[in-house]
Amino acid sequence: MARIAGVDLPRRKHVLYALPYLFGIGPSLARQIVAKANIPPTKRVDELTDADLRSIREILDADYKVEGDLRREIQMNIKRLMDLGCYRGLRHRKGLPVRGQRTHTNSRTRKGPRKRIIRK
C-alpha cells in the first residue's frame, strides 16, 4: 500500500491521477512531480517500487507543502487576518464571503440556512 504524507493512495490508479488525492497537489503539480521522479505517468500505484515511493516523498518534502503543513499555514494566514482586524479578517470572523461577492440573495453556503423572521 502506497502511503505518502499520511494518505493512502488508491492502488489501481495511475500515479498521475493518484497524487492529487494529497491536499495541495493538483493535476499540473502531479505531472511535475512524476517528471522529477522519472516515473512513467501511466505506471499504477501498486506497481511502484520502494525507490519510486522514496523519490516521490523526497521531492514532496524538499519542494512542496502538502496535507497538514499546508492546512496549518492556511489557517494561520486566516487567523492573522482576523487578528489584524482588516476587512478580509472581519469577513472571515462574521462568516461572510471574503472576496467581494454579493450577499443580498446569494452566499447561502457561507451564511448557512435562512433565518426566518416571525411576524406577530
N, C-alpha and C. Protein backbone atom coordinates (compact mmCIF):
# COMPACT_ATOMS: atom_id res chain seq x y z
N MET A 1 0.85 -1.19 0.00
CA MET A 1 0.00 0.00 0.00
C MET A 1 0.89 1.25 0.00
N ALA A 2 0.63 2.15 -0.90
CA ALA A 2 1.41 3.38 -1.01
C ALA A 2 0.84 4.43 -0.07
N ARG A 3 1.64 4.83 0.89
CA ARG A 3 1.22 5.84 1.85
C ARG A 3 2.20 7.00 1.77
N ILE A 4 1.69 8.15 1.36
CA ILE A 4 2.54 9.34 1.22
C ILE A 4 1.90 10.45 2.02
N ALA A 5 2.67 11.09 2.89
CA ALA A 5 2.22 12.22 3.72
C ALA A 5 0.97 11.87 4.52
N GLY A 6 0.90 10.62 4.98
CA GLY A 6 -0.22 10.21 5.82
C GLY A 6 -1.50 9.88 5.07
N VAL A 7 -1.43 9.79 3.74
CA VAL A 7 -2.61 9.49 2.93
C VAL A 7 -2.36 8.23 2.13
N ASP A 8 -3.32 7.30 2.17
CA ASP A 8 -3.23 6.10 1.34
C ASP A 8 -3.67 6.44 -0.07
N LEU A 9 -2.79 6.18 -1.03
CA LEU A 9 -3.15 6.43 -2.43
C LEU A 9 -3.92 5.22 -2.97
N PRO A 10 -4.91 5.45 -3.84
CA PRO A 10 -5.64 4.32 -4.42
C PRO A 10 -4.72 3.44 -5.25
N ARG A 11 -4.82 2.13 -5.05
CA ARG A 11 -3.86 1.20 -5.64
C ARG A 11 -3.95 1.10 -7.16
N ARG A 12 -5.13 1.01 -7.71
CA ARG A 12 -5.28 0.67 -9.12
C ARG A 12 -5.25 1.89 -10.05
N LYS A 13 -5.03 3.07 -9.53
CA LYS A 13 -5.00 4.26 -10.39
C LYS A 13 -3.58 4.53 -10.86
N HIS A 14 -3.49 5.26 -11.97
CA HIS A 14 -2.19 5.71 -12.44
C HIS A 14 -1.64 6.73 -11.45
N VAL A 15 -0.32 6.79 -11.36
CA VAL A 15 0.32 7.70 -10.40
C VAL A 15 -0.12 9.13 -10.63
N LEU A 16 -0.27 9.49 -11.89
CA LEU A 16 -0.65 10.85 -12.25
C LEU A 16 -2.01 11.23 -11.67
N TYR A 17 -2.92 10.27 -11.55
CA TYR A 17 -4.27 10.55 -11.05
C TYR A 17 -4.41 10.24 -9.57
N ALA A 18 -3.43 9.55 -9.00
CA ALA A 18 -3.49 9.22 -7.57
C ALA A 18 -2.86 10.32 -6.72
N LEU A 19 -1.86 11.01 -7.24
CA LEU A 19 -1.18 12.06 -6.45
C LEU A 19 -2.11 13.20 -6.04
N PRO A 20 -3.09 13.62 -6.87
CA PRO A 20 -3.98 14.69 -6.42
C PRO A 20 -4.88 14.33 -5.23
N TYR A 21 -4.83 13.09 -4.75
CA TYR A 21 -5.55 12.75 -3.53
C TYR A 21 -4.90 13.43 -2.33
N LEU A 22 -3.67 13.90 -2.48
CA LEU A 22 -3.00 14.65 -1.42
C LEU A 22 -3.48 16.09 -1.47
N PHE A 23 -3.77 16.66 -0.31
CA PHE A 23 -4.21 18.05 -0.22
C PHE A 23 -3.06 18.95 -0.66
N GLY A 24 -3.30 19.82 -1.62
CA GLY A 24 -2.27 20.74 -2.09
C GLY A 24 -1.62 20.32 -3.39
N ILE A 25 -2.01 19.17 -3.93
CA ILE A 25 -1.45 18.72 -5.21
C ILE A 25 -2.59 18.57 -6.19
N GLY A 26 -2.46 19.26 -7.31
CA GLY A 26 -3.44 19.17 -8.38
C GLY A 26 -2.86 18.43 -9.57
N PRO A 27 -3.57 18.43 -10.68
CA PRO A 27 -3.09 17.70 -11.85
C PRO A 27 -1.75 18.20 -12.40
N SER A 28 -1.58 19.50 -12.50
CA SER A 28 -0.33 20.01 -13.08
C SER A 28 0.86 19.76 -12.15
N LEU A 29 0.65 19.91 -10.85
CA LEU A 29 1.71 19.64 -9.89
C LEU A 29 2.06 18.15 -9.88
N ALA A 30 1.06 17.30 -10.04
CA ALA A 30 1.32 15.85 -10.10
C ALA A 30 2.19 15.52 -11.31
N ARG A 31 1.91 16.19 -12.45
CA ARG A 31 2.73 15.98 -13.65
C ARG A 31 4.18 16.37 -13.40
N GLN A 32 4.39 17.51 -12.72
CA GLN A 32 5.76 17.96 -12.42
C GLN A 32 6.47 16.98 -11.50
N ILE A 33 5.78 16.48 -10.48
CA ILE A 33 6.40 15.57 -9.52
C ILE A 33 6.79 14.26 -10.20
N VAL A 34 5.91 13.73 -11.04
CA VAL A 34 6.20 12.48 -11.74
C VAL A 34 7.38 12.67 -12.69
N ALA A 35 7.46 13.83 -13.33
CA ALA A 35 8.58 14.10 -14.24
C ALA A 35 9.89 14.20 -13.47
N LYS A 36 9.88 14.87 -12.30
CA LYS A 36 11.10 14.99 -11.50
C LYS A 36 11.56 13.64 -10.98
N ALA A 37 10.62 12.77 -10.65
CA ALA A 37 10.96 11.46 -10.09
C ALA A 37 11.30 10.44 -11.17
N ASN A 38 11.20 10.81 -12.44
CA ASN A 38 11.47 9.92 -13.57
C ASN A 38 10.61 8.64 -13.50
N ILE A 39 9.34 8.84 -13.25
CA ILE A 39 8.39 7.72 -13.21
C ILE A 39 7.44 7.90 -14.39
N PRO A 40 7.18 6.84 -15.16
CA PRO A 40 6.22 6.99 -16.25
C PRO A 40 4.82 7.28 -15.69
N PRO A 41 4.11 8.26 -16.23
CA PRO A 41 2.82 8.64 -15.68
C PRO A 41 1.76 7.56 -15.77
N THR A 42 1.96 6.58 -16.67
CA THR A 42 0.96 5.52 -16.82
C THR A 42 1.19 4.36 -15.85
N LYS A 43 2.24 4.44 -15.06
CA LYS A 43 2.51 3.39 -14.07
C LYS A 43 1.47 3.47 -12.96
N ARG A 44 0.96 2.33 -12.53
CA ARG A 44 -0.04 2.31 -11.47
C ARG A 44 0.62 2.33 -10.10
N VAL A 45 -0.13 2.75 -9.11
CA VAL A 45 0.42 2.93 -7.76
C VAL A 45 0.92 1.61 -7.20
N ASP A 46 0.19 0.51 -7.43
CA ASP A 46 0.65 -0.76 -6.86
C ASP A 46 1.85 -1.33 -7.59
N GLU A 47 2.22 -0.76 -8.72
CA GLU A 47 3.42 -1.19 -9.45
C GLU A 47 4.66 -0.40 -9.03
N LEU A 48 4.50 0.63 -8.20
CA LEU A 48 5.63 1.44 -7.78
C LEU A 48 6.55 0.66 -6.85
N THR A 49 7.84 0.85 -7.03
CA THR A 49 8.81 0.21 -6.14
C THR A 49 9.03 1.10 -4.92
N ASP A 50 9.73 0.58 -3.95
CA ASP A 50 10.05 1.38 -2.76
C ASP A 50 10.91 2.58 -3.13
N ALA A 51 11.80 2.40 -4.11
CA ALA A 51 12.66 3.51 -4.54
C ALA A 51 11.82 4.62 -5.17
N ASP A 52 10.82 4.23 -5.96
CA ASP A 52 9.93 5.24 -6.57
C ASP A 52 9.19 6.03 -5.50
N LEU A 53 8.63 5.31 -4.53
CA LEU A 53 7.91 5.98 -3.45
C LEU A 53 8.83 6.89 -2.65
N ARG A 54 10.04 6.43 -2.40
CA ARG A 54 11.01 7.23 -1.66
C ARG A 54 11.35 8.51 -2.42
N SER A 55 11.51 8.41 -3.75
CA SER A 55 11.85 9.60 -4.54
C SER A 55 10.68 10.59 -4.53
N ILE A 56 9.44 10.09 -4.61
CA ILE A 56 8.28 10.98 -4.56
C ILE A 56 8.22 11.68 -3.20
N ARG A 57 8.44 10.92 -2.12
CA ARG A 57 8.43 11.51 -0.77
C ARG A 57 9.50 12.58 -0.61
N GLU A 58 10.69 12.30 -1.12
CA GLU A 58 11.79 13.27 -1.02
C GLU A 58 11.48 14.54 -1.78
N ILE A 59 10.90 14.40 -2.98
CA ILE A 59 10.53 15.58 -3.77
C ILE A 59 9.48 16.40 -3.04
N LEU A 60 8.48 15.74 -2.48
CA LEU A 60 7.43 16.45 -1.74
C LEU A 60 7.99 17.15 -0.51
N ASP A 61 8.86 16.47 0.23
CA ASP A 61 9.44 17.07 1.43
C ASP A 61 10.32 18.27 1.11
N ALA A 62 11.05 18.17 0.01
CA ALA A 62 12.00 19.23 -0.33
C ALA A 62 11.33 20.46 -0.94
N ASP A 63 10.35 20.27 -1.82
CA ASP A 63 9.87 21.37 -2.64
C ASP A 63 8.46 21.87 -2.34
N TYR A 64 7.61 21.03 -1.75
CA TYR A 64 6.19 21.38 -1.66
C TYR A 64 5.67 21.24 -0.24
N LYS A 65 4.65 22.04 0.08
CA LYS A 65 3.91 21.88 1.32
C LYS A 65 2.62 21.16 0.99
N VAL A 66 2.37 20.06 1.67
CA VAL A 66 1.14 19.30 1.43
C VAL A 66 0.51 18.90 2.74
N GLU A 67 -0.75 18.51 2.68
CA GLU A 67 -1.52 17.98 3.80
C GLU A 67 -1.46 18.87 5.03
N GLY A 68 -1.01 18.37 6.17
CA GLY A 68 -1.10 19.07 7.44
C GLY A 68 -0.37 20.39 7.47
N ASP A 69 0.84 20.44 6.90
CA ASP A 69 1.61 21.69 6.91
C ASP A 69 0.89 22.78 6.13
N LEU A 70 0.34 22.42 4.97
CA LEU A 70 -0.37 23.40 4.15
C LEU A 70 -1.65 23.86 4.82
N ARG A 71 -2.41 22.92 5.39
CA ARG A 71 -3.64 23.29 6.10
C ARG A 71 -3.33 24.22 7.26
N ARG A 72 -2.26 23.91 8.00
CA ARG A 72 -1.87 24.74 9.14
C ARG A 72 -1.49 26.15 8.68
N GLU A 73 -0.75 26.23 7.58
CA GLU A 73 -0.34 27.54 7.07
C GLU A 73 -1.55 28.37 6.65
N ILE A 74 -2.51 27.74 5.97
CA ILE A 74 -3.71 28.45 5.53
C ILE A 74 -4.49 28.96 6.74
N GLN A 75 -4.66 28.10 7.75
CA GLN A 75 -5.38 28.52 8.96
C GLN A 75 -4.66 29.65 9.68
N MET A 76 -3.33 29.61 9.70
CA MET A 76 -2.56 30.68 10.35
C MET A 76 -2.72 31.99 9.58
N ASN A 77 -2.76 31.93 8.26
CA ASN A 77 -2.97 33.14 7.46
C ASN A 77 -4.33 33.76 7.74
N ILE A 78 -5.36 32.91 7.84
CA ILE A 78 -6.71 33.41 8.14
C ILE A 78 -6.75 34.00 9.54
N LYS A 79 -6.12 33.33 10.49
CA LYS A 79 -6.09 33.82 11.87
C LYS A 79 -5.36 35.17 11.95
N ARG A 80 -4.27 35.30 11.18
CA ARG A 80 -3.53 36.56 11.15
C ARG A 80 -4.41 37.70 10.65
N LEU A 81 -5.17 37.44 9.58
CA LEU A 81 -6.08 38.46 9.04
C LEU A 81 -7.13 38.85 10.07
N MET A 82 -7.65 37.86 10.81
CA MET A 82 -8.67 38.14 11.81
C MET A 82 -8.08 38.95 12.96
N ASP A 83 -6.85 38.63 13.37
CA ASP A 83 -6.22 39.36 14.47
C ASP A 83 -5.90 40.80 14.09
N LEU A 84 -5.53 40.99 12.82
CA LEU A 84 -5.23 42.35 12.36
C LEU A 84 -6.48 43.23 12.35
N GLY A 85 -7.63 42.60 12.13
CA GLY A 85 -8.87 43.36 12.05
C GLY A 85 -9.06 44.02 10.71
N CYS A 86 -8.39 43.53 9.68
CA CYS A 86 -8.57 44.10 8.35
C CYS A 86 -9.92 43.63 7.79
N TYR A 87 -10.31 44.16 6.66
CA TYR A 87 -11.62 43.88 6.08
C TYR A 87 -11.80 42.39 5.85
N ARG A 88 -10.80 41.75 5.24
CA ARG A 88 -10.92 40.31 4.97
C ARG A 88 -11.02 39.52 6.25
N GLY A 89 -10.30 39.95 7.29
CA GLY A 89 -10.38 39.27 8.57
C GLY A 89 -11.74 39.39 9.20
N LEU A 90 -12.35 40.57 9.08
CA LEU A 90 -13.69 40.77 9.63
C LEU A 90 -14.70 39.90 8.90
N ARG A 91 -14.57 39.78 7.58
CA ARG A 91 -15.49 38.94 6.82
C ARG A 91 -15.34 37.47 7.23
N HIS A 92 -14.10 37.03 7.46
CA HIS A 92 -13.89 35.67 7.95
C HIS A 92 -14.55 35.49 9.30
N ARG A 93 -14.37 36.46 10.18
CA ARG A 93 -14.90 36.38 11.53
C ARG A 93 -16.43 36.30 11.53
N LYS A 94 -17.07 37.07 10.62
CA LYS A 94 -18.53 37.09 10.55
C LYS A 94 -19.10 35.93 9.74
N GLY A 95 -18.23 35.18 9.06
CA GLY A 95 -18.72 34.07 8.25
C GLY A 95 -19.39 34.50 6.97
N LEU A 96 -18.94 35.61 6.42
CA LEU A 96 -19.49 36.12 5.16
C LEU A 96 -18.48 35.92 4.04
N PRO A 97 -18.90 36.07 2.77
CA PRO A 97 -17.95 35.93 1.67
C PRO A 97 -16.83 36.96 1.77
N VAL A 98 -15.62 36.55 1.46
CA VAL A 98 -14.45 37.39 1.68
C VAL A 98 -14.06 38.15 0.41
N ARG A 99 -14.41 37.65 -0.76
CA ARG A 99 -13.85 38.19 -1.99
C ARG A 99 -14.80 39.07 -2.78
N GLY A 100 -15.70 39.77 -2.11
CA GLY A 100 -16.49 40.79 -2.77
C GLY A 100 -17.75 40.31 -3.44
N GLN A 101 -18.20 39.08 -3.16
CA GLN A 101 -19.43 38.62 -3.78
C GLN A 101 -20.64 39.30 -3.15
N ARG A 102 -21.76 39.32 -3.88
CA ARG A 102 -22.97 39.91 -3.33
C ARG A 102 -23.56 38.98 -2.29
N THR A 103 -24.25 39.57 -1.32
CA THR A 103 -24.80 38.74 -0.24
C THR A 103 -26.30 38.92 -0.09
N HIS A 104 -26.90 39.79 -0.89
CA HIS A 104 -28.34 40.04 -0.73
C HIS A 104 -29.15 38.78 -1.02
N THR A 105 -28.83 38.11 -2.14
CA THR A 105 -29.60 36.93 -2.49
C THR A 105 -28.76 35.66 -2.49
N ASN A 106 -27.46 35.76 -2.54
CA ASN A 106 -26.61 34.57 -2.66
C ASN A 106 -25.83 34.32 -1.38
N SER A 107 -24.81 33.49 -1.47
CA SER A 107 -23.87 33.14 -0.40
C SER A 107 -24.52 32.36 0.72
N ARG A 108 -25.44 31.46 0.38
CA ARG A 108 -26.07 30.64 1.41
C ARG A 108 -25.07 29.64 2.00
N THR A 109 -24.06 29.28 1.24
CA THR A 109 -23.08 28.34 1.77
C THR A 109 -22.33 28.96 2.94
N ARG A 110 -21.91 30.20 2.82
CA ARG A 110 -21.17 30.85 3.90
C ARG A 110 -22.08 31.26 5.06
N LYS A 111 -23.29 31.73 4.73
CA LYS A 111 -24.16 32.27 5.76
C LYS A 111 -24.99 31.20 6.47
N GLY A 112 -25.14 30.04 5.87
CA GLY A 112 -25.95 28.99 6.46
C GLY A 112 -27.39 29.10 6.02
N PRO A 113 -28.26 28.24 6.56
CA PRO A 113 -29.67 28.29 6.15
C PRO A 113 -30.34 29.61 6.54
N ARG A 114 -31.39 29.93 5.80
CA ARG A 114 -32.09 31.20 6.04
C ARG A 114 -32.64 31.27 7.46
N LYS A 115 -32.57 32.44 8.04
CA LYS A 115 -33.15 32.66 9.36
C LYS A 115 -34.50 33.34 9.17
N ARG A 116 -35.56 32.65 9.50
CA ARG A 116 -36.91 33.17 9.29
C ARG A 116 -37.23 34.27 10.28
N ILE A 117 -37.94 35.27 9.80
CA ILE A 117 -38.42 36.36 10.67
C ILE A 117 -39.87 36.05 11.00
N ILE A 118 -40.16 35.88 12.27
CA ILE A 118 -41.52 35.56 12.69
C ILE A 118 -42.28 36.86 12.93
N ARG A 119 -43.40 37.02 12.21
CA ARG A 119 -44.20 38.26 12.36
C ARG A 119 -45.34 38.02 13.34
N LYS A 120 -45.64 39.02 14.10
CA LYS A 120 -46.73 38.90 15.08
C LYS A 120 -48.06 39.35 14.49
